[in-house]
Amino acid sequence: MKKIIPSRLETRVQKFLYRTIGERIPARVTPNQITLVGALGGLAGIVCAALSGLNRWFLIGTICGLACHLVCDDLDGYVARTRNMSSKAGGYFDLLTDILHITYLIIALAFTGVIHFHVAILMVPVYALLMFTAMNYILHLDEFLFPRLGPIETHLFFALICIMGIVCRRGAGIEFYGFTYNLADFVVLAGGALMYYEMIRLQVQLFRRLRNCDRKYDEK
């Protein structure tokens, strides 16, 4: 499968992780086990986000959970490729945990007031749609295409939201057309706009390529 990573930051981070951690992972460890560790780290981060309603310093735990999920998300694929352990089930498990992690993290941040619900509902579908699009690239074109805003940019984006949640006073914000917006909301809206653009771009590109494949098939 052809792997396409437009993000230079993602490429550099992956190379660093492969060299410093990936080569030292014991032979008995499987890719699915690494994915599971990342999922548990992400779950811990979600729990900390939910607890941040009691104390905003719990968001530090969310940042740690994001870091754990990101590292494992890169290393499970490395182990699968280098040890010839790639599987369709593993790829599905990986994408599923990514979707669940980000979706429920957004919900937890909204419930505790780090971001407002009217902003969160705009973000809930976009990451799932990105993963859905990536899965279709895999199924139909045999390509693992990362968006230009890849996993590391997404995780840094949510880490920044958590930092804003710690720094900014709860309830502070500005009114606009009957809705309140805080600093974290503006970060979400800015990043969300870029992610929506990237998601739509990849879907349009996928549709055009699949249509060309259909035409070539019809010509035969």
N, C-alpha and C. Protein backbone atom coordinates (compact mmCIF):
# COMPACT_ATOMS: atom_id res chain seq x y z
N MET A 1 0.84 -1.19 0.00
CA MET A 1 0.00 0.00 0.00
C MET A 1 0.88 1.25 0.00
N LYS A 2 0.55 2.19 -0.87
CA LYS A 2 1.32 3.42 -0.97
C LYS A 2 0.92 4.37 0.16
N LYS A 3 1.91 4.86 0.90
CA LYS A 3 1.67 5.76 2.02
C LYS A 3 2.07 7.17 1.62
N ILE A 4 1.13 8.12 1.72
CA ILE A 4 1.36 9.49 1.29
C ILE A 4 1.18 10.42 2.48
N ILE A 5 2.25 11.12 2.87
CA ILE A 5 2.21 12.01 4.03
C ILE A 5 2.63 13.42 3.57
N PRO A 6 1.67 14.30 3.30
CA PRO A 6 2.02 15.65 2.85
C PRO A 6 2.68 16.51 3.93
N SER A 7 2.40 16.24 5.20
CA SER A 7 2.90 17.07 6.30
C SER A 7 4.37 16.76 6.60
N ARG A 8 5.22 17.77 6.47
CA ARG A 8 6.63 17.59 6.80
C ARG A 8 6.83 17.37 8.29
N LEU A 9 6.02 18.05 9.09
CA LEU A 9 6.11 17.88 10.55
C LEU A 9 5.79 16.44 10.92
N GLU A 10 4.73 15.88 10.32
CA GLU A 10 4.35 14.50 10.59
C GLU A 10 5.48 13.55 10.20
N THR A 11 6.09 13.79 9.04
CA THR A 11 7.18 12.92 8.57
C THR A 11 8.37 12.96 9.51
N ARG A 12 8.72 14.15 9.96
CA ARG A 12 9.88 14.29 10.86
C ARG A 12 9.61 13.64 12.22
N VAL A 13 8.42 13.83 12.73
CA VAL A 13 8.08 13.22 14.03
C VAL A 13 8.08 11.71 13.91
N GLN A 14 7.52 11.18 12.83
CA GLN A 14 7.51 9.73 12.64
C GLN A 14 8.93 9.17 12.59
N LYS A 15 9.80 9.81 11.83
CA LYS A 15 11.18 9.33 11.74
C LYS A 15 11.87 9.35 13.10
N PHE A 16 11.60 10.40 13.88
CA PHE A 16 12.18 10.49 15.22
C PHE A 16 11.67 9.36 16.10
N LEU A 17 10.35 9.10 16.08
CA LEU A 17 9.78 8.04 16.89
C LEU A 17 10.27 6.67 16.46
N TYR A 18 10.38 6.45 15.16
CA TYR A 18 10.85 5.15 14.67
C TYR A 18 12.28 4.89 15.14
N ARG A 19 13.12 5.94 15.10
CA ARG A 19 14.53 5.79 15.44
C ARG A 19 14.75 5.65 16.95
N THR A 20 13.98 6.39 17.75
CA THR A 20 14.22 6.41 19.19
C THR A 20 13.43 5.36 19.96
N ILE A 21 12.23 5.05 19.48
CA ILE A 21 11.37 4.11 20.20
C ILE A 21 11.07 2.86 19.38
N GLY A 22 10.71 3.06 18.12
CA GLY A 22 10.26 1.95 17.29
C GLY A 22 11.24 0.79 17.20
N GLU A 23 12.51 1.11 17.05
CA GLU A 23 13.53 0.07 16.91
C GLU A 23 13.77 -0.70 18.21
N ARG A 24 13.28 -0.18 19.33
CA ARG A 24 13.49 -0.81 20.64
C ARG A 24 12.26 -1.54 21.16
N ILE A 25 11.21 -1.58 20.38
CA ILE A 25 10.00 -2.28 20.81
C ILE A 25 10.25 -3.79 20.76
N PRO A 26 9.97 -4.52 21.86
CA PRO A 26 10.24 -5.96 21.89
C PRO A 26 9.52 -6.71 20.78
N ALA A 27 10.12 -7.80 20.34
CA ALA A 27 9.57 -8.58 19.22
C ALA A 27 8.21 -9.18 19.54
N ARG A 28 7.94 -9.42 20.82
CA ARG A 28 6.66 -10.05 21.19
C ARG A 28 5.47 -9.09 21.14
N VAL A 29 5.75 -7.80 21.02
CA VAL A 29 4.68 -6.80 21.01
C VAL A 29 4.08 -6.72 19.61
N THR A 30 2.75 -6.78 19.52
CA THR A 30 2.06 -6.74 18.24
C THR A 30 1.53 -5.33 17.95
N PRO A 31 1.26 -5.01 16.69
CA PRO A 31 0.69 -3.70 16.35
C PRO A 31 -0.63 -3.43 17.06
N ASN A 32 -1.49 -4.45 17.16
CA ASN A 32 -2.79 -4.25 17.81
C ASN A 32 -2.64 -3.94 19.30
N GLN A 33 -1.61 -4.50 19.92
CA GLN A 33 -1.36 -4.19 21.33
C GLN A 33 -0.94 -2.72 21.49
N ILE A 34 -0.15 -2.24 20.55
CA ILE A 34 0.27 -0.83 20.60
C ILE A 34 -0.94 0.07 20.37
N THR A 35 -1.80 -0.31 19.42
CA THR A 35 -3.02 0.46 19.17
C THR A 35 -3.89 0.50 20.42
N LEU A 36 -3.98 -0.63 21.12
CA LEU A 36 -4.79 -0.70 22.34
C LEU A 36 -4.22 0.21 23.42
N VAL A 37 -2.90 0.23 23.57
CA VAL A 37 -2.28 1.13 24.56
C VAL A 37 -2.62 2.58 24.23
N GLY A 38 -2.53 2.93 22.93
CA GLY A 38 -2.88 4.28 22.52
C GLY A 38 -4.34 4.61 22.79
N ALA A 39 -5.22 3.62 22.57
CA ALA A 39 -6.65 3.82 22.84
C ALA A 39 -6.90 4.03 24.32
N LEU A 40 -6.21 3.28 25.16
CA LEU A 40 -6.37 3.44 26.62
C LEU A 40 -5.82 4.79 27.08
N GLY A 41 -4.71 5.21 26.47
CA GLY A 41 -4.18 6.54 26.79
C GLY A 41 -5.16 7.63 26.38
N GLY A 42 -5.75 7.47 25.19
CA GLY A 42 -6.75 8.42 24.75
C GLY A 42 -7.97 8.43 25.65
N LEU A 43 -8.38 7.24 26.11
CA LEU A 43 -9.52 7.14 27.03
C LEU A 43 -9.22 7.85 28.34
N ALA A 44 -8.01 7.68 28.85
CA ALA A 44 -7.61 8.37 30.08
C ALA A 44 -7.68 9.88 29.88
N GLY A 45 -7.26 10.33 28.70
CA GLY A 45 -7.33 11.75 28.39
C GLY A 45 -8.75 12.26 28.35
N ILE A 46 -9.67 11.45 27.82
CA ILE A 46 -11.09 11.82 27.78
C ILE A 46 -11.66 11.92 29.19
N VAL A 47 -11.31 10.96 30.04
CA VAL A 47 -11.77 10.99 31.44
C VAL A 47 -11.26 12.25 32.13
N CYS A 48 -10.00 12.58 31.89
CA CYS A 48 -9.43 13.80 32.50
C CYS A 48 -10.15 15.04 31.98
N ALA A 49 -10.51 15.04 30.70
CA ALA A 49 -11.25 16.17 30.14
C ALA A 49 -12.61 16.30 30.83
N ALA A 50 -13.26 15.15 31.09
CA ALA A 50 -14.56 15.16 31.78
C ALA A 50 -14.41 15.66 33.22
N LEU A 51 -13.29 15.31 33.86
CA LEU A 51 -13.06 15.73 35.24
C LEU A 51 -12.61 17.19 35.35
N SER A 52 -12.26 17.79 34.22
CA SER A 52 -11.78 19.17 34.25
C SER A 52 -12.89 20.14 34.67
N GLY A 53 -14.14 19.65 34.68
CA GLY A 53 -15.21 20.47 35.22
C GLY A 53 -15.05 20.71 36.71
N LEU A 54 -14.36 19.79 37.38
CA LEU A 54 -14.07 19.94 38.81
C LEU A 54 -12.83 20.79 39.03
N ASN A 55 -11.82 20.54 38.20
CA ASN A 55 -10.57 21.28 38.30
C ASN A 55 -9.91 21.31 36.93
N ARG A 56 -9.63 22.48 36.41
CA ARG A 56 -9.09 22.61 35.06
C ARG A 56 -7.70 21.98 34.91
N TRP A 57 -7.00 21.73 36.02
CA TRP A 57 -5.67 21.13 35.93
C TRP A 57 -5.73 19.68 35.46
N PHE A 58 -6.92 19.07 35.49
CA PHE A 58 -7.07 17.73 34.92
C PHE A 58 -6.77 17.73 33.42
N LEU A 59 -6.82 18.89 32.79
CA LEU A 59 -6.54 18.97 31.36
C LEU A 59 -5.08 18.63 31.04
N ILE A 60 -4.22 18.70 32.05
CA ILE A 60 -2.84 18.23 31.84
C ILE A 60 -2.85 16.74 31.53
N GLY A 61 -3.73 16.00 32.22
CA GLY A 61 -3.89 14.58 31.94
C GLY A 61 -4.39 14.34 30.52
N THR A 62 -5.28 15.23 30.05
CA THR A 62 -5.77 15.13 28.67
C THR A 62 -4.62 15.32 27.68
N ILE A 63 -3.75 16.27 27.95
CA ILE A 63 -2.60 16.50 27.08
C ILE A 63 -1.69 15.27 27.06
N CYS A 64 -1.49 14.65 28.22
CA CYS A 64 -0.68 13.42 28.29
C CYS A 64 -1.35 12.29 27.50
N GLY A 65 -2.69 12.20 27.60
CA GLY A 65 -3.42 11.20 26.84
C GLY A 65 -3.29 11.41 25.34
N LEU A 66 -3.31 12.66 24.92
CA LEU A 66 -3.11 12.99 23.51
C LEU A 66 -1.73 12.56 23.04
N ALA A 67 -0.72 12.81 23.89
CA ALA A 67 0.64 12.42 23.53
C ALA A 67 0.77 10.91 23.41
N CYS A 68 0.17 10.18 24.35
CA CYS A 68 0.22 8.71 24.31
C CYS A 68 -0.45 8.18 23.06
N HIS A 69 -1.63 8.70 22.75
CA HIS A 69 -2.36 8.25 21.56
C HIS A 69 -1.59 8.55 20.29
N LEU A 70 -0.98 9.73 20.21
CA LEU A 70 -0.22 10.11 19.02
C LEU A 70 0.97 9.19 18.80
N VAL A 71 1.75 8.95 19.86
CA VAL A 71 2.93 8.10 19.75
C VAL A 71 2.56 6.68 19.32
N CYS A 72 1.55 6.12 19.96
CA CYS A 72 1.13 4.76 19.62
C CYS A 72 0.52 4.69 18.22
N ASP A 73 -0.15 5.76 17.81
CA ASP A 73 -0.76 5.81 16.48
C ASP A 73 0.29 5.75 15.39
N ASP A 74 1.46 6.30 15.66
CA ASP A 74 2.56 6.23 14.69
C ASP A 74 3.30 4.89 14.78
N LEU A 75 3.48 4.39 15.98
CA LEU A 75 4.32 3.19 16.16
C LEU A 75 3.62 1.90 15.77
N ASP A 76 2.29 1.83 15.88
CA ASP A 76 1.62 0.58 15.50
C ASP A 76 1.81 0.28 14.01
N GLY A 77 1.73 1.31 13.19
CA GLY A 77 1.94 1.12 11.76
C GLY A 77 3.38 0.76 11.44
N TYR A 78 4.32 1.37 12.16
CA TYR A 78 5.74 1.06 11.96
C TYR A 78 6.02 -0.41 12.25
N VAL A 79 5.51 -0.90 13.38
CA VAL A 79 5.72 -2.29 13.75
C VAL A 79 5.07 -3.23 12.73
N ALA A 80 3.86 -2.88 12.29
CA ALA A 80 3.15 -3.72 11.32
C ALA A 80 3.92 -3.84 10.02
N ARG A 81 4.49 -2.72 9.54
CA ARG A 81 5.20 -2.74 8.25
C ARG A 81 6.56 -3.42 8.36
N THR A 82 7.32 -3.09 9.38
CA THR A 82 8.69 -3.59 9.48
C THR A 82 8.75 -5.07 9.86
N ARG A 83 7.69 -5.58 10.49
CA ARG A 83 7.68 -6.98 10.91
C ARG A 83 6.70 -7.83 10.10
N ASN A 84 6.22 -7.24 9.00
CA ASN A 84 5.31 -7.97 8.10
C ASN A 84 4.09 -8.49 8.86
N MET A 85 3.49 -7.61 9.67
CA MET A 85 2.34 -7.98 10.48
C MET A 85 1.10 -7.14 10.13
N SER A 86 1.12 -6.53 8.95
CA SER A 86 -0.01 -5.71 8.53
C SER A 86 -1.25 -6.56 8.34
N SER A 87 -2.41 -6.02 8.69
CA SER A 87 -3.66 -6.74 8.52
C SER A 87 -4.79 -5.75 8.32
N LYS A 88 -5.84 -6.18 7.62
CA LYS A 88 -7.00 -5.32 7.41
C LYS A 88 -7.71 -5.05 8.74
N ALA A 89 -7.77 -6.06 9.61
CA ALA A 89 -8.40 -5.88 10.91
C ALA A 89 -7.65 -4.85 11.74
N GLY A 90 -6.31 -4.89 11.67
CA GLY A 90 -5.51 -3.93 12.41
C GLY A 90 -5.71 -2.51 11.90
N GLY A 91 -5.79 -2.35 10.57
CA GLY A 91 -6.03 -1.04 10.00
C GLY A 91 -7.39 -0.49 10.41
N TYR A 92 -8.38 -1.37 10.42
CA TYR A 92 -9.73 -0.97 10.85
C TYR A 92 -9.73 -0.57 12.33
N PHE A 93 -9.07 -1.36 13.17
CA PHE A 93 -8.98 -1.08 14.60
C PHE A 93 -8.31 0.27 14.84
N ASP A 94 -7.28 0.55 14.08
CA ASP A 94 -6.53 1.80 14.22
C ASP A 94 -7.42 3.00 13.89
N LEU A 95 -8.10 2.96 12.73
CA LEU A 95 -8.94 4.08 12.33
C LEU A 95 -10.13 4.25 13.27
N LEU A 96 -10.69 3.13 13.74
CA LEU A 96 -11.83 3.20 14.65
C LEU A 96 -11.46 3.89 15.95
N THR A 97 -10.31 3.53 16.53
CA THR A 97 -9.89 4.16 17.79
C THR A 97 -9.60 5.65 17.59
N ASP A 98 -9.08 6.03 16.42
CA ASP A 98 -8.83 7.45 16.13
C ASP A 98 -10.14 8.23 16.14
N ILE A 99 -11.15 7.69 15.45
CA ILE A 99 -12.44 8.37 15.37
C ILE A 99 -13.07 8.51 16.75
N LEU A 100 -13.10 7.42 17.52
CA LEU A 100 -13.73 7.44 18.84
C LEU A 100 -13.00 8.39 19.78
N HIS A 101 -11.67 8.38 19.72
CA HIS A 101 -10.88 9.23 20.62
C HIS A 101 -11.21 10.70 20.42
N ILE A 102 -11.10 11.18 19.19
CA ILE A 102 -11.30 12.60 18.93
C ILE A 102 -12.76 13.00 19.15
N THR A 103 -13.70 12.15 18.72
CA THR A 103 -15.12 12.49 18.86
C THR A 103 -15.51 12.66 20.32
N TYR A 104 -15.14 11.69 21.16
CA TYR A 104 -15.53 11.77 22.57
C TYR A 104 -14.72 12.80 23.34
N LEU A 105 -13.53 13.11 22.85
CA LEU A 105 -12.75 14.18 23.48
C LEU A 105 -13.45 15.52 23.28
N ILE A 106 -13.94 15.76 22.07
CA ILE A 106 -14.68 17.00 21.80
C ILE A 106 -15.91 17.09 22.70
N ILE A 107 -16.63 15.98 22.81
CA ILE A 107 -17.84 15.95 23.65
C ILE A 107 -17.50 16.25 25.11
N ALA A 108 -16.43 15.63 25.62
CA ALA A 108 -16.02 15.86 27.01
C ALA A 108 -15.62 17.31 27.25
N LEU A 109 -14.91 17.91 26.30
CA LEU A 109 -14.49 19.31 26.43
C LEU A 109 -15.70 20.24 26.41
N ALA A 110 -16.73 19.84 25.65
CA ALA A 110 -17.94 20.66 25.59
C ALA A 110 -18.74 20.54 26.89
N PHE A 111 -18.86 19.34 27.43
CA PHE A 111 -19.63 19.13 28.65
C PHE A 111 -19.04 19.90 29.83
N THR A 112 -17.73 20.05 29.85
CA THR A 112 -17.09 20.72 30.99
C THR A 112 -16.87 22.21 30.74
N GLY A 113 -17.30 22.70 29.58
CA GLY A 113 -17.25 24.12 29.33
C GLY A 113 -15.92 24.65 28.83
N VAL A 114 -14.98 23.77 28.50
CA VAL A 114 -13.72 24.25 27.92
C VAL A 114 -14.00 24.91 26.58
N ILE A 115 -14.89 24.28 25.80
CA ILE A 115 -15.43 24.90 24.60
C ILE A 115 -16.96 24.85 24.72
N HIS A 116 -17.64 25.69 23.96
CA HIS A 116 -19.09 25.75 24.04
C HIS A 116 -19.73 24.73 23.08
N PHE A 117 -20.93 24.28 23.43
CA PHE A 117 -21.62 23.25 22.65
C PHE A 117 -21.86 23.70 21.21
N HIS A 118 -22.24 24.97 21.01
CA HIS A 118 -22.55 25.42 19.66
C HIS A 118 -21.30 25.43 18.78
N VAL A 119 -20.12 25.41 19.37
CA VAL A 119 -18.88 25.28 18.61
C VAL A 119 -18.51 23.81 18.45
N ALA A 120 -18.69 23.04 19.51
CA ALA A 120 -18.32 21.62 19.49
C ALA A 120 -19.08 20.84 18.43
N ILE A 121 -20.38 21.16 18.26
CA ILE A 121 -21.18 20.39 17.30
C ILE A 121 -20.70 20.58 15.87
N LEU A 122 -20.02 21.66 15.62
CA LEU A 122 -19.44 21.86 14.29
C LEU A 122 -18.24 20.96 14.05
N MET A 123 -17.53 20.60 15.14
CA MET A 123 -16.30 19.83 15.03
C MET A 123 -16.52 18.32 15.09
N VAL A 124 -17.62 17.89 15.72
CA VAL A 124 -17.83 16.45 15.94
C VAL A 124 -17.75 15.63 14.65
N PRO A 125 -18.40 16.05 13.54
CA PRO A 125 -18.38 15.19 12.35
C PRO A 125 -17.11 15.23 11.52
N VAL A 126 -16.32 16.32 11.61
CA VAL A 126 -15.28 16.52 10.61
C VAL A 126 -14.17 15.47 10.69
N TYR A 127 -13.72 15.10 11.89
CA TYR A 127 -12.63 14.14 11.99
C TYR A 127 -13.10 12.75 11.56
N ALA A 128 -14.34 12.40 11.91
CA ALA A 128 -14.89 11.12 11.47
C ALA A 128 -14.96 11.06 9.95
N LEU A 129 -15.34 12.17 9.32
CA LEU A 129 -15.42 12.22 7.86
C LEU A 129 -14.03 12.11 7.23
N LEU A 130 -13.04 12.70 7.88
CA LEU A 130 -11.66 12.57 7.39
C LEU A 130 -11.20 11.11 7.44
N MET A 131 -11.50 10.42 8.54
CA MET A 131 -11.12 9.02 8.66
C MET A 131 -11.91 8.15 7.68
N PHE A 132 -13.19 8.48 7.48
CA PHE A 132 -14.01 7.76 6.50
C PHE A 132 -13.41 7.91 5.10
N THR A 133 -12.98 9.12 4.78
CA THR A 133 -12.36 9.36 3.48
C THR A 133 -11.05 8.60 3.34
N ALA A 134 -10.24 8.61 4.40
CA ALA A 134 -8.97 7.87 4.37
C ALA A 134 -9.22 6.38 4.17
N MET A 135 -10.25 5.85 4.82
CA MET A 135 -10.57 4.43 4.68
C MET A 135 -10.96 4.09 3.24
N ASN A 136 -11.66 4.99 2.58
CA ASN A 136 -12.04 4.74 1.19
C ASN A 136 -10.86 4.84 0.24
N TYR A 137 -9.89 5.69 0.55
CA TYR A 137 -8.64 5.69 -0.23
C TYR A 137 -7.95 4.33 -0.12
N ILE A 138 -7.97 3.77 1.07
CA ILE A 138 -7.34 2.47 1.30
C ILE A 138 -8.09 1.38 0.53
N LEU A 139 -9.40 1.38 0.64
CA LEU A 139 -10.21 0.32 0.04
C LEU A 139 -10.19 0.36 -1.48
N HIS A 140 -10.31 1.56 -2.05
CA HIS A 140 -10.52 1.67 -3.49
C HIS A 140 -9.26 1.98 -4.29
N LEU A 141 -8.29 2.67 -3.67
CA LEU A 141 -7.10 3.10 -4.40
C LEU A 141 -5.81 2.50 -3.84
N ASP A 142 -5.93 1.74 -2.76
CA ASP A 142 -4.77 1.12 -2.13
C ASP A 142 -3.72 2.16 -1.74
N GLU A 143 -4.20 3.28 -1.22
CA GLU A 143 -3.33 4.35 -0.77
C GLU A 143 -3.72 4.74 0.66
N PHE A 144 -2.72 4.96 1.47
CA PHE A 144 -2.96 5.48 2.82
C PHE A 144 -2.58 6.95 2.78
N LEU A 145 -3.58 7.79 2.49
CA LEU A 145 -3.34 9.21 2.27
C LEU A 145 -3.63 10.01 3.54
N PHE A 146 -2.59 10.62 4.07
CA PHE A 146 -2.75 11.51 5.22
C PHE A 146 -3.24 12.87 4.71
N PRO A 147 -4.13 13.53 5.43
CA PRO A 147 -4.46 14.92 5.07
C PRO A 147 -3.30 15.83 5.40
N ARG A 148 -3.30 17.02 4.81
CA ARG A 148 -2.21 17.96 5.09
C ARG A 148 -2.21 18.37 6.56
N LEU A 149 -3.39 18.36 7.18
CA LEU A 149 -3.46 18.50 8.64
C LEU A 149 -3.57 17.09 9.20
N GLY A 150 -2.42 16.48 9.42
CA GLY A 150 -2.37 15.08 9.82
C GLY A 150 -2.56 14.88 11.31
N PRO A 151 -2.26 13.67 11.80
CA PRO A 151 -2.47 13.35 13.21
C PRO A 151 -1.72 14.29 14.17
N ILE A 152 -0.47 14.63 13.83
CA ILE A 152 0.27 15.45 14.79
C ILE A 152 -0.32 16.86 14.88
N GLU A 153 -0.74 17.42 13.74
CA GLU A 153 -1.36 18.74 13.79
C GLU A 153 -2.67 18.69 14.57
N THR A 154 -3.43 17.62 14.39
CA THR A 154 -4.70 17.47 15.11
C THR A 154 -4.46 17.37 16.62
N HIS A 155 -3.48 16.56 17.02
CA HIS A 155 -3.21 16.40 18.45
C HIS A 155 -2.65 17.69 19.07
N LEU A 156 -1.81 18.40 18.34
CA LEU A 156 -1.30 19.68 18.83
C LEU A 156 -2.43 20.70 18.94
N PHE A 157 -3.36 20.64 18.01
CA PHE A 157 -4.52 21.51 18.01
C PHE A 157 -5.35 21.31 19.29
N PHE A 158 -5.58 20.05 19.66
CA PHE A 158 -6.37 19.79 20.87
C PHE A 158 -5.56 20.07 22.13
N ALA A 159 -4.25 19.87 22.07
CA ALA A 159 -3.41 20.24 23.22
C ALA A 159 -3.47 21.74 23.47
N LEU A 160 -3.49 22.52 22.39
CA LEU A 160 -3.60 23.98 22.51
C LEU A 160 -4.94 24.36 23.13
N ILE A 161 -6.01 23.67 22.74
CA ILE A 161 -7.33 23.93 23.32
C ILE A 161 -7.30 23.66 24.83
N CYS A 162 -6.64 22.57 25.22
CA CYS A 162 -6.52 22.25 26.65
C CYS A 162 -5.75 23.32 27.40
N ILE A 163 -4.69 23.83 26.78
CA ILE A 163 -3.91 24.90 27.41
C ILE A 163 -4.76 26.15 27.58
N MET A 164 -5.54 26.47 26.54
CA MET A 164 -6.45 27.62 26.64
C MET A 164 -7.45 27.40 27.78
N GLY A 165 -7.92 26.16 27.95
CA GLY A 165 -8.86 25.85 29.01
C GLY A 165 -8.26 26.04 30.39
N ILE A 166 -6.96 25.75 30.52
CA ILE A 166 -6.29 25.93 31.81
C ILE A 166 -6.04 27.40 32.10
N VAL A 167 -5.59 28.12 31.08
CA VAL A 167 -5.17 29.51 31.26
C VAL A 167 -6.35 30.46 31.42
N CYS A 168 -7.40 30.25 30.61
CA CYS A 168 -8.50 31.21 30.58
C CYS A 168 -9.48 30.98 31.73
N ARG A 169 -10.00 32.03 32.25
CA ARG A 169 -10.96 31.97 33.34
C ARG A 169 -12.29 31.40 32.84
N ARG A 170 -12.86 30.48 33.60
CA ARG A 170 -14.13 29.86 33.20
C ARG A 170 -15.24 30.91 33.15
N GLY A 171 -16.01 30.84 32.08
CA GLY A 171 -17.13 31.77 31.91
C GLY A 171 -16.76 33.04 31.17
N ALA A 172 -15.45 33.31 31.03
CA ALA A 172 -15.03 34.51 30.31
C ALA A 172 -15.26 34.33 28.82
N GLY A 173 -15.66 35.38 28.15
CA GLY A 173 -15.87 35.29 26.71
C GLY A 173 -16.57 36.52 26.20
N ILE A 174 -16.90 36.50 24.93
CA ILE A 174 -17.60 37.63 24.31
C ILE A 174 -18.90 37.13 23.70
N GLU A 175 -19.89 38.01 23.67
CA GLU A 175 -21.19 37.71 23.10
C GLU A 175 -21.21 38.09 21.62
N PHE A 176 -21.79 37.19 20.81
CA PHE A 176 -21.91 37.47 19.39
C PHE A 176 -23.16 36.78 18.86
N TYR A 177 -24.15 37.58 18.45
CA TYR A 177 -25.43 37.06 17.95
C TYR A 177 -26.08 36.06 18.93
N GLY A 178 -26.02 36.40 20.19
CA GLY A 178 -26.68 35.58 21.20
C GLY A 178 -25.88 34.39 21.70
N PHE A 179 -24.69 34.18 21.16
CA PHE A 179 -23.83 33.08 21.58
C PHE A 179 -22.56 33.63 22.23
N THR A 180 -22.06 32.88 23.22
CA THR A 180 -20.82 33.26 23.90
C THR A 180 -19.65 32.48 23.32
N TYR A 181 -18.52 33.15 23.13
CA TYR A 181 -17.32 32.51 22.60
C TYR A 181 -16.14 32.85 23.50
N ASN A 182 -15.36 31.82 23.87
CA ASN A 182 -14.13 32.08 24.61
C ASN A 182 -12.92 31.87 23.70
N LEU A 183 -11.74 32.01 24.26
CA LEU A 183 -10.53 31.92 23.43
C LEU A 183 -10.37 30.53 22.82
N ALA A 184 -10.70 29.48 23.60
CA ALA A 184 -10.61 28.11 23.07
C ALA A 184 -11.57 27.91 21.90
N ASP A 185 -12.74 28.55 21.97
CA ASP A 185 -13.70 28.45 20.87
C ASP A 185 -13.11 29.00 19.57
N PHE A 186 -12.41 30.12 19.66
CA PHE A 186 -11.83 30.71 18.46
C PHE A 186 -10.72 29.82 17.88
N VAL A 187 -9.98 29.16 18.77
CA VAL A 187 -8.98 28.20 18.30
C VAL A 187 -9.67 27.05 17.56
N VAL A 188 -10.78 26.56 18.13
CA VAL A 188 -11.54 25.47 17.50
C VAL A 188 -12.08 25.90 16.14
N LEU A 189 -12.64 27.09 16.06
CA LEU A 189 -13.23 27.57 14.82
C LEU A 189 -12.17 27.75 13.74
N ALA A 190 -11.00 28.26 14.12
CA ALA A 190 -9.93 28.45 13.14
C ALA A 190 -9.41 27.10 12.64
N GLY A 191 -9.10 26.20 13.57
CA GLY A 191 -8.62 24.88 13.17
C GLY A 191 -9.69 24.07 12.46
N GLY A 192 -10.94 24.21 12.92
CA GLY A 192 -12.04 23.47 12.29
C GLY A 192 -12.26 23.88 10.86
N ALA A 193 -12.12 25.16 10.55
CA ALA A 193 -12.29 25.63 9.18
C ALA A 193 -11.25 24.99 8.26
N LEU A 194 -10.02 24.91 8.74
CA LEU A 194 -8.95 24.27 7.94
C LEU A 194 -9.22 22.78 7.76
N MET A 195 -9.70 22.12 8.81
CA MET A 195 -9.98 20.69 8.72
C MET A 195 -11.16 20.41 7.79
N TYR A 196 -12.17 21.27 7.82
CA TYR A 196 -13.30 21.10 6.90
C TYR A 196 -12.84 21.27 5.46
N TYR A 197 -12.01 22.27 5.22
CA TYR A 197 -11.49 22.49 3.87
C TYR A 197 -10.72 21.26 3.39
N GLU A 198 -9.87 20.73 4.24
CA GLU A 198 -9.06 19.58 3.86
C GLU A 198 -9.94 18.35 3.63
N MET A 199 -10.94 18.16 4.46
CA MET A 199 -11.85 17.03 4.31
C MET A 199 -12.60 17.10 2.99
N ILE A 200 -13.12 18.28 2.66
CA ILE A 200 -13.86 18.44 1.40
C ILE A 200 -12.93 18.26 0.21
N ARG A 201 -11.71 18.81 0.31
CA ARG A 201 -10.75 18.67 -0.79
C ARG A 201 -10.44 17.20 -1.08
N LEU A 202 -10.21 16.42 -0.03
CA LEU A 202 -9.89 15.01 -0.21
C LEU A 202 -11.09 14.23 -0.76
N GLN A 203 -12.30 14.59 -0.33
CA GLN A 203 -13.47 13.89 -0.83
C GLN A 203 -13.72 14.18 -2.31
N VAL A 204 -13.54 15.44 -2.70
CA VAL A 204 -13.70 15.80 -4.11
C VAL A 204 -12.65 15.09 -4.96
N GLN A 205 -11.42 15.07 -4.47
CA GLN A 205 -10.33 14.39 -5.18
C GLN A 205 -10.61 12.90 -5.31
N LEU A 206 -11.10 12.29 -4.24
CA LEU A 206 -11.43 10.86 -4.26
C LEU A 206 -12.55 10.58 -5.25
N PHE A 207 -13.59 11.40 -5.25
CA PHE A 207 -14.71 11.20 -6.18
C PHE A 207 -14.23 11.27 -7.63
N ARG A 208 -13.39 12.24 -7.94
CA ARG A 208 -12.90 12.38 -9.31
C ARG A 208 -12.04 11.18 -9.72
N ARG A 209 -11.21 10.71 -8.82
CA ARG A 209 -10.36 9.56 -9.15
C ARG A 209 -11.18 8.28 -9.32
N LEU A 210 -12.19 8.11 -8.47
CA LEU A 210 -13.05 6.95 -8.61
C LEU A 210 -13.86 7.02 -9.90
N ARG A 211 -14.29 8.20 -10.28
CA ARG A 211 -15.03 8.35 -11.53
C ARG A 211 -14.14 8.03 -12.72
N ASN A 212 -12.87 8.43 -12.67
CA ASN A 212 -11.94 8.09 -13.74
C ASN A 212 -11.71 6.58 -13.81
N CYS A 213 -11.66 5.94 -12.63
CA CYS A 213 -11.52 4.48 -12.62
C CYS A 213 -12.73 3.81 -13.25
N ASP A 214 -13.92 4.35 -12.98
CA ASP A 214 -15.14 3.80 -13.58
C ASP A 214 -15.11 3.94 -15.09
N ARG A 215 -14.65 5.08 -15.57
CA ARG A 215 -14.60 5.31 -17.02
C ARG A 215 -13.63 4.36 -17.70
N LYS A 216 -12.48 4.14 -17.07
CA LYS A 216 -11.51 3.22 -17.65
C LYS A 216 -12.07 1.80 -17.67
N TYR A 217 -12.80 1.46 -16.63
CA TYR A 217 -13.40 0.13 -16.59
C TYR A 217 -14.47 -0.04 -17.68
N ASP A 218 -15.26 1.02 -17.89
CA ASP A 218 -16.30 0.96 -18.92
C ASP A 218 -15.69 0.85 -20.32
N GLU A 219 -14.54 1.52 -20.53
CA GLU A 219 -13.90 1.49 -21.84
C GLU A 219 -13.39 0.09 -22.20
N LYS A 220 -13.07 -0.69 -21.16
CA LYS A 220 -12.60 -2.06 -21.41
C LYS A 220 -13.76 -2.98 -21.82
